[in-house]
Amino acid sequence: MQTLKEYTLEATPVASAEELKNRKGPKAKRIAIGTDTHLRGYQAARKVDNAAIGAVANLRSETELLLYVEKQREQAEEVVVAYEAGPLGYGLYRKLTERGVKCLVCVPDSTQQQKKRRKNNQIDARTLTSNLFNYLNGNEAALQLVRVPTPEQEQARLASRQHDQLVEERKRLGAEGNSLLLSQGFGSCKHWWRPKALSRLEQLLPGWLFEMLRTWVDLLRALDEKIQRAKAALSKGYSGPRPKGAGANSLVQLGSEVLDWNLYKSRRKIACLGGMVPSEWSTGESQRRGSITKVGVPAIRRIMTEMAWRIIQFQPQYPPVQKWQEVLGGTNRTLKKKAVVAIGRQLIVDLWRLETGRATAKELNLVMIGG
């Protein structure tokens, strides 16, 4: 008689609670993190793929933020961080980049917060995260990115800007002395702290007023010395031929603000960098253009305006100068200023063409000196 075989069923092993905790789900494609940076803390909001923006994390230090980002890297194939440019500089950008994290630095924008009349760190972080997500998905207008310099470029730019700050401080202190002279009916004296001017003032002014002026003299003369040293250091940074009327100092400062001429692929972009393009308010067939936008780098606009005045004097054959010759020879000061801005706008475009090899000085009808 055939006997039935005995079959035994084994229960499926059940995962322990610890195993379930350690079990990882599939990685997300991308996590976008918007960070509101401050000296004493960071607020970070994240958006995982197409999910809603999560709660804002309050982090007490940059170290905590870096650890937070590292944790997100374990959960996604790509992590992108964005923060607004500010007084903290580009240290966070460089540390994240060294760790292989894509980081974007953008221009601060609180347009939406101003419309709603509500602004705080959490709102800023969530808004930045939303804008970052839109930017990564093709809306290039969602973020206005900042050109991040290399450490060497940043050092050169800081040296250039410190020179300008010294000049501004000298103007401020010089104006303090002039205000004393004007208030007591002695008129105005340019560079009154220089030895010759000060010796003349000593003979004209009452003792008490002259002593008040002397309060600023040591500071102003020290600034004169520092400015001369800064100018000498800047001039050493330039070699090779340059357009007549474009000083070595100005070209070094311009280069430190532009960072890299090859970053700009068209004349429109390099002109926009200085904010020297006309504003526009057009709709349909109606076109209306106004004064320049002034949305670029203010230092570039100042350098190009000063350079344009010198080009007018030293290179009258330059085509843009010839184009505006009638206005420059007139008496309308407003039109003259507009002409100088137009010449400066064309000049920075031509300098870009020279620096990138798109044209030669002969083709641009520019006289070069040095070499």
Protein backbone atom coordinates (compact mmCIF):
# COMPACT_ATOMS: atom_id res chain seq x y z
CA MET A 1 0.00 0.00 0.00
CA GLN A 2 1.42 3.37 -1.08
CA THR A 3 1.83 5.82 1.67
CA LEU A 4 1.35 9.57 1.29
CA LYS A 5 4.50 11.63 1.43
CA GLU A 6 4.68 14.09 4.20
CA TYR A 7 5.09 17.70 3.15
CA THR A 8 6.18 20.47 5.48
CA LEU A 9 5.60 24.17 4.86
CA GLU A 10 8.14 26.66 6.05
CA ALA A 11 6.99 30.08 7.05
CA THR A 12 8.42 33.05 5.15
CA PRO A 13 11.02 34.77 7.34
CA VAL A 14 9.74 38.01 8.78
CA ALA A 15 12.03 41.07 8.65
CA SER A 16 12.93 42.46 12.01
CA ALA A 17 12.15 46.03 12.95
CA GLU A 18 15.84 46.95 12.69
CA GLU A 19 16.07 45.52 9.15
CA LEU A 20 12.98 47.43 8.10
CA LYS A 21 14.49 50.61 9.47
CA ASN A 22 17.74 50.11 7.58
CA ARG A 23 16.07 49.06 4.35
CA LYS A 24 16.48 51.84 1.79
CA GLY A 25 13.98 52.73 -0.89
CA PRO A 26 14.88 53.73 -4.44
CA LYS A 27 16.90 56.92 -4.78
CA ALA A 28 15.27 60.09 -6.00
CA LYS A 29 16.43 61.56 -9.28
CA ARG A 30 17.14 65.02 -7.91
CA ILE A 31 16.81 66.98 -4.69
CA ALA A 32 16.74 70.78 -4.98
CA ILE A 33 17.75 72.68 -1.85
CA GLY A 34 17.23 76.41 -1.37
CA THR A 35 19.28 77.89 1.48
CA ASP A 36 18.79 81.22 3.19
CA THR A 37 22.24 82.04 4.57
CA HIS A 38 22.99 84.21 7.60
CA LEU A 39 25.91 84.72 9.96
CA ARG A 40 24.25 82.88 12.86
CA GLY A 41 22.20 80.27 11.06
CA TYR A 42 20.96 78.69 7.86
CA GLN A 43 17.45 77.78 6.77
CA ALA A 44 17.23 75.03 4.14
CA ALA A 45 14.14 73.81 2.27
CA ARG A 46 14.21 70.84 -0.11
CA LYS A 47 12.11 69.56 -2.97
CA VAL A 48 12.43 65.88 -3.89
CA ASP A 49 11.74 65.37 -7.60
CA ASN A 50 8.17 66.61 -8.21
CA ALA A 51 6.99 66.33 -4.62
CA ALA A 52 5.90 69.31 -2.56
CA ILE A 53 8.49 71.41 -0.77
CA GLY A 54 9.14 69.96 2.65
CA ALA A 55 9.50 71.62 6.02
CA VAL A 56 12.30 74.13 6.44
CA ALA A 57 15.30 72.86 8.39
CA ASN A 58 16.90 75.30 10.83
CA LEU A 59 20.66 74.74 10.92
CA ARG A 60 22.89 76.54 13.38
CA SER A 61 26.15 76.57 11.42
CA GLU A 62 27.74 75.96 8.07
CA THR A 63 29.01 72.61 9.33
CA GLU A 64 25.46 71.48 10.06
CA LEU A 65 24.40 72.59 6.59
CA LEU A 66 27.19 70.58 4.96
CA LEU A 67 26.17 67.50 6.96
CA TYR A 68 22.54 68.08 5.93
CA VAL A 69 23.54 68.19 2.26
CA GLU A 70 25.64 65.03 2.63
CA LYS A 71 22.60 63.24 4.05
CA GLN A 72 20.53 64.32 1.03
CA ARG A 73 23.20 62.93 -1.31
CA GLU A 74 22.53 59.48 0.11
CA GLN A 75 18.89 59.77 -0.91
CA ALA A 76 19.20 61.11 -4.48
CA GLU A 77 21.26 60.69 -7.61
CA GLU A 78 21.82 64.44 -7.79
CA VAL A 79 21.64 67.24 -5.23
CA VAL A 80 21.59 70.90 -6.30
CA VAL A 81 21.96 73.71 -3.78
CA ALA A 82 21.21 77.40 -4.39
CA TYR A 83 21.76 80.41 -2.17
CA GLU A 84 21.71 84.17 -2.62
CA ALA A 85 24.89 86.20 -2.94
CA GLY A 86 25.64 88.34 0.08
CA PRO A 87 28.28 89.42 2.60
CA LEU A 88 29.28 85.81 3.35
CA GLY A 89 30.92 85.55 -0.07
CA TYR A 90 31.56 82.33 -1.98
CA GLY A 91 33.01 80.13 0.77
CA LEU A 92 29.92 77.89 0.90
CA TYR A 93 29.93 77.54 -2.90
CA ARG A 94 33.55 76.39 -2.91
CA LYS A 95 33.08 73.91 -0.06
CA LEU A 96 30.04 72.35 -1.72
CA THR A 97 31.78 72.18 -5.08
CA GLU A 98 34.79 70.45 -3.52
CA ARG A 99 32.39 67.78 -2.23
CA GLY A 100 30.97 67.22 -5.71
CA VAL A 101 27.68 69.02 -5.06
CA LYS A 102 26.33 71.30 -7.75
CA CYS A 103 25.86 74.75 -6.26
CA LEU A 104 24.34 77.90 -7.77
CA VAL A 105 24.72 81.42 -6.43
CA CYS A 106 22.00 83.85 -7.47
CA VAL A 107 21.09 87.51 -7.13
CA PRO A 108 18.87 88.27 -4.11
CA ASP A 109 15.23 88.69 -5.14
CA SER A 110 12.36 89.52 -2.80
CA THR A 111 9.84 90.59 -5.44
CA GLN A 112 7.20 88.06 -4.44
CA GLN A 113 7.62 88.78 -0.74
CA GLN A 114 7.16 92.50 -1.34
CA LYS A 115 3.93 91.86 -3.24
CA LYS A 116 2.52 89.77 -0.40
CA ARG A 117 4.07 92.02 2.28
CA ARG A 118 5.35 88.95 4.14
CA LYS A 119 9.01 88.08 4.42
CA ASN A 120 10.96 85.83 6.78
CA ASN A 121 13.74 83.27 6.55
CA GLN A 122 11.41 80.31 6.02
CA ILE A 123 9.54 82.05 3.19
CA ASP A 124 12.84 83.03 1.57
CA ALA A 125 14.14 79.44 1.70
CA ARG A 126 10.95 77.97 0.24
CA THR A 127 10.75 80.63 -2.49
CA LEU A 128 14.37 80.02 -3.45
CA THR A 129 13.74 76.27 -3.60
CA SER A 130 10.75 76.80 -5.89
CA ASN A 131 12.74 79.11 -8.16
CA LEU A 132 15.62 76.63 -8.24
CA PHE A 133 13.27 73.81 -9.28
CA ASN A 134 11.83 75.96 -12.08
CA TYR A 135 15.33 76.93 -13.23
CA LEU A 136 16.50 73.32 -13.36
CA ASN A 137 13.45 72.44 -15.43
CA GLY A 138 14.17 74.95 -18.18
CA ASN A 139 12.96 78.33 -16.91
CA GLU A 140 16.24 80.27 -17.06
CA ALA A 141 14.49 83.46 -15.91
CA ALA A 142 13.61 81.88 -12.55
CA LEU A 143 17.10 82.60 -11.19
CA GLN A 144 19.57 85.33 -12.07
CA LEU A 145 22.91 83.63 -11.51
CA VAL A 146 26.01 85.35 -10.20
CA ARG A 147 29.40 84.94 -11.88
CA VAL A 148 31.46 83.16 -9.23
CA PRO A 149 35.14 84.18 -9.44
CA THR A 150 38.09 81.94 -8.78
CA PRO A 151 40.06 82.77 -5.59
CA GLU A 152 42.67 84.57 -7.74
CA GLN A 153 40.03 86.59 -9.58
CA GLU A 154 38.32 87.47 -6.32
CA GLN A 155 41.62 88.65 -4.83
CA ALA A 156 42.28 90.90 -7.85
CA ARG A 157 38.76 92.31 -7.68
CA LEU A 158 39.04 93.02 -3.96
CA ALA A 159 42.31 94.91 -4.54
CA SER A 160 40.65 96.99 -7.27
CA ARG A 161 37.61 97.77 -5.13
CA GLN A 162 39.74 98.64 -2.12
CA HIS A 163 41.48 101.27 -4.26
CA ASP A 164 38.09 102.76 -5.11
CA GLN A 165 37.05 102.68 -1.44
CA LEU A 166 40.20 104.58 -0.46
CA VAL A 167 39.43 107.22 -3.09
CA GLU A 168 35.85 107.55 -1.83
CA GLU A 169 37.03 107.88 1.75
CA ARG A 170 39.44 110.63 0.71
CA LYS A 171 36.59 112.46 -1.02
CA ARG A 172 34.45 112.17 2.10
CA LEU A 173 37.09 113.53 4.46
CA GLY A 174 38.05 116.25 1.98
CA ALA A 175 34.42 117.33 1.86
CA GLU A 176 34.39 117.59 5.67
CA GLY A 177 37.15 120.21 5.51
CA ASN A 178 35.51 122.04 2.63
CA SER A 179 32.26 122.25 4.57
CA LEU A 180 34.14 124.00 7.41
CA LEU A 181 35.60 126.54 4.97
CA LEU A 182 32.26 127.17 3.29
CA SER A 183 30.39 127.56 6.57
CA GLN A 184 32.78 130.32 7.69
CA GLY A 185 32.75 132.20 4.39
CA PHE A 186 36.17 131.15 3.07
CA GLY A 187 34.91 129.42 -0.05
CA SER A 188 36.09 126.04 -1.26
CA CYS A 189 39.66 124.83 -1.73
CA LYS A 190 40.47 121.75 -3.78
CA HIS A 191 42.95 119.41 -2.09
CA TRP A 192 43.19 121.79 0.86
CA TRP A 193 45.24 119.30 2.90
CA ARG A 194 48.18 119.32 0.47
CA PRO A 195 51.26 121.24 1.82
CA LYS A 196 51.03 124.31 -0.47
CA ALA A 197 47.30 124.79 -0.04
CA LEU A 198 47.49 124.25 3.70
CA SER A 199 50.28 126.82 4.12
CA ARG A 200 48.15 129.44 2.31
CA LEU A 201 45.13 128.61 4.45
CA GLU A 202 47.20 128.97 7.63
CA GLN A 203 47.78 132.62 6.79
CA LEU A 204 44.11 133.32 6.00
CA LEU A 205 42.14 131.37 8.59
CA PRO A 206 41.62 132.11 12.29
CA GLY A 207 43.56 129.81 14.58
CA TRP A 208 40.61 127.83 15.87
CA LEU A 209 39.36 127.03 12.35
CA PHE A 210 42.80 126.04 11.13
CA GLU A 211 43.20 123.66 14.08
CA MET A 212 39.91 122.01 13.20
CA LEU A 213 41.15 121.50 9.64
CA ARG A 214 44.39 119.98 10.90
CA THR A 215 42.32 117.22 12.51
CA TRP A 216 41.82 115.68 9.07
CA VAL A 217 45.25 116.40 7.55
CA ASP A 218 47.11 113.32 8.82
CA LEU A 219 44.30 111.01 7.73
CA LEU A 220 44.05 112.56 4.28
CA ARG A 221 47.80 112.46 3.67
CA ALA A 222 47.90 108.83 4.79
CA LEU A 223 45.09 108.10 2.32
CA ASP A 224 47.05 109.88 -0.44
CA GLU A 225 50.00 107.61 0.22
CA LYS A 226 47.89 104.44 0.29
CA ILE A 227 46.11 105.41 -2.93
CA GLN A 228 49.43 105.95 -4.71
CA ARG A 229 50.64 102.55 -3.58
CA ALA A 230 47.41 100.92 -4.69
CA LYS A 231 47.66 102.58 -8.12
CA ALA A 232 51.25 101.44 -8.53
CA ALA A 233 50.25 97.87 -7.65
CA LEU A 234 47.37 97.94 -10.12
CA SER A 235 49.49 99.29 -12.97
CA LYS A 236 51.96 96.41 -12.53
CA GLY A 237 49.14 93.99 -13.32
CA TYR A 238 48.89 95.08 -16.96
CA SER A 239 51.36 94.50 -19.78
CA GLY A 240 51.11 94.67 -23.54
CA PRO A 241 49.59 97.17 -25.96
CA ARG A 242 46.54 99.17 -24.96
CA PRO A 243 44.32 101.78 -26.64
CA LYS A 244 45.63 105.30 -26.33
CA GLY A 245 43.59 107.02 -23.61
CA ALA A 246 42.82 103.76 -21.81
CA GLY A 247 45.09 103.74 -18.76
CA ALA A 248 46.72 100.59 -17.45
CA ASN A 249 44.98 101.03 -14.07
CA SER A 250 41.58 101.33 -15.72
CA LEU A 251 42.13 98.23 -17.86
CA VAL A 252 43.28 96.21 -14.84
CA GLN A 253 40.21 97.28 -12.85
CA LEU A 254 37.95 96.56 -15.81
CA GLY A 255 39.44 93.09 -16.20
CA SER A 256 38.97 92.36 -12.50
CA GLU A 257 35.26 93.19 -12.78
CA VAL A 258 34.66 91.34 -16.05
CA LEU A 259 36.54 88.27 -14.68
CA ASP A 260 36.76 86.48 -18.03
CA TRP A 261 36.05 88.11 -21.40
CA ASN A 262 35.36 84.68 -22.94
CA LEU A 263 32.31 84.20 -20.70
CA TYR A 264 30.31 86.49 -22.99
CA LYS A 265 29.25 85.18 -26.37
CA SER A 266 27.74 88.33 -27.87
CA ARG A 267 28.19 92.10 -27.80
CA ARG A 268 24.75 92.50 -26.20
CA LYS A 269 25.77 90.50 -23.14
CA ILE A 270 29.00 92.40 -22.55
CA ALA A 271 27.16 95.72 -22.93
CA CYS A 272 24.50 94.57 -20.46
CA LEU A 273 27.22 93.77 -17.92
CA GLY A 274 27.78 97.48 -17.43
CA GLY A 275 24.07 98.31 -17.47
CA MET A 276 24.71 100.65 -20.39
CA VAL A 277 21.88 99.44 -22.61
CA PRO A 278 18.63 101.41 -23.01
CA SER A 279 15.56 100.47 -21.02
CA GLU A 280 12.51 99.42 -23.00
CA TRP A 281 8.76 99.43 -22.53
CA SER A 282 7.24 98.01 -25.71
CA THR A 283 4.04 96.23 -26.52
CA GLY A 284 2.53 95.23 -29.85
CA GLU A 285 3.66 97.66 -32.53
CA SER A 286 4.53 100.32 -29.97
CA GLN A 287 8.21 100.57 -29.11
CA ARG A 288 9.49 102.87 -26.40
CA ARG A 289 13.08 103.07 -25.20
CA GLY A 290 14.34 105.18 -22.37
CA SER A 291 17.46 105.82 -20.32
CA ILE A 292 20.04 103.11 -19.61
CA THR A 293 19.02 100.27 -17.30
CA LYS A 294 21.95 100.56 -14.81
CA VAL A 295 21.36 96.94 -13.81
CA GLY A 296 24.93 95.77 -14.43
CA VAL A 297 28.10 96.21 -12.38
CA PRO A 298 28.34 99.87 -11.27
CA ALA A 299 32.15 99.78 -11.23
CA ILE A 300 32.24 98.81 -14.92
CA ARG A 301 29.91 101.66 -15.84
CA ARG A 302 32.11 104.16 -13.96
CA ILE A 303 35.33 102.85 -15.52
CA MET A 304 33.90 102.94 -19.05
CA THR A 305 32.49 106.45 -18.61
CA GLU A 306 35.87 107.79 -17.46
CA MET A 307 37.62 105.92 -20.26
CA ALA A 308 35.20 107.29 -22.85
CA TRP A 309 36.04 110.88 -21.89
CA ARG A 310 39.74 110.14 -22.39
CA ILE A 311 39.13 108.36 -25.70
CA ILE A 312 37.27 111.46 -26.93
CA GLN A 313 40.36 113.52 -26.16
CA PHE A 314 43.11 111.17 -27.37
CA GLN A 315 41.40 109.34 -30.24
CA PRO A 316 39.09 111.74 -32.12
CA GLN A 317 39.28 109.45 -35.18
CA TYR A 318 37.54 106.60 -33.31
CA PRO A 319 34.26 105.87 -35.21
CA PRO A 320 31.87 106.26 -32.22
CA VAL A 321 33.53 109.62 -31.40
CA GLN A 322 33.07 110.71 -35.00
CA LYS A 323 29.43 109.61 -34.88
CA TRP A 324 28.72 111.86 -31.86
CA GLN A 325 31.08 114.68 -32.83
CA GLU A 326 28.30 117.20 -33.41
CA VAL A 327 26.75 116.55 -30.00
CA LEU A 328 30.13 116.61 -28.24
CA GLY A 329 30.91 119.95 -29.81
CA GLY A 330 27.58 121.45 -28.74
CA THR A 331 26.54 123.15 -25.53
CA ASN A 332 23.81 120.76 -24.33
CA ARG A 333 25.33 119.00 -21.32
CA THR A 334 22.57 116.39 -21.10
CA LEU A 335 23.10 115.29 -24.68
CA LYS A 336 26.86 115.22 -24.10
CA LYS A 337 26.42 112.79 -21.22
CA LYS A 338 24.23 110.57 -23.38
CA ALA A 339 26.85 110.65 -26.11
CA VAL A 340 29.60 109.66 -23.66
CA VAL A 341 27.53 106.71 -22.43
CA ALA A 342 26.93 105.61 -26.03
CA ILE A 343 30.67 105.84 -26.76
CA GLY A 344 31.45 103.91 -23.57
CA ARG A 345 28.98 101.19 -24.53
CA GLN A 346 30.60 100.76 -27.95
CA LEU A 347 34.08 100.93 -26.40
CA ILE A 348 33.50 98.02 -24.02
CA VAL A 349 32.17 95.98 -26.95
CA ASP A 350 35.31 96.79 -28.96
CA LEU A 351 37.56 95.92 -26.00
CA TRP A 352 35.73 92.59 -25.79
CA ARG A 353 36.40 92.04 -29.49
CA LEU A 354 40.10 92.81 -28.96
CA GLU A 355 40.44 90.57 -25.90
CA THR A 356 38.70 87.59 -27.53
CA GLY A 357 40.42 87.97 -30.90
CA ARG A 358 37.24 88.78 -32.81
CA ALA A 359 38.76 91.94 -34.32
CA THR A 360 42.05 93.78 -34.53
CA ALA A 361 42.82 97.32 -33.43
CA LYS A 362 43.26 98.31 -37.07
CA GLU A 363 39.79 97.03 -37.96
CA LEU A 364 38.32 98.99 -35.04
CA ASN A 365 40.36 102.11 -35.93
CA LEU A 366 41.93 102.25 -32.49
CA VAL A 367 45.44 103.63 -31.92
CA MET A 368 47.44 101.32 -29.64
CA ILE A 369 50.39 102.26 -27.45
CA GLY A 370 52.83 100.28 -25.30
CA GLY A 371 53.74 96.70 -25.90
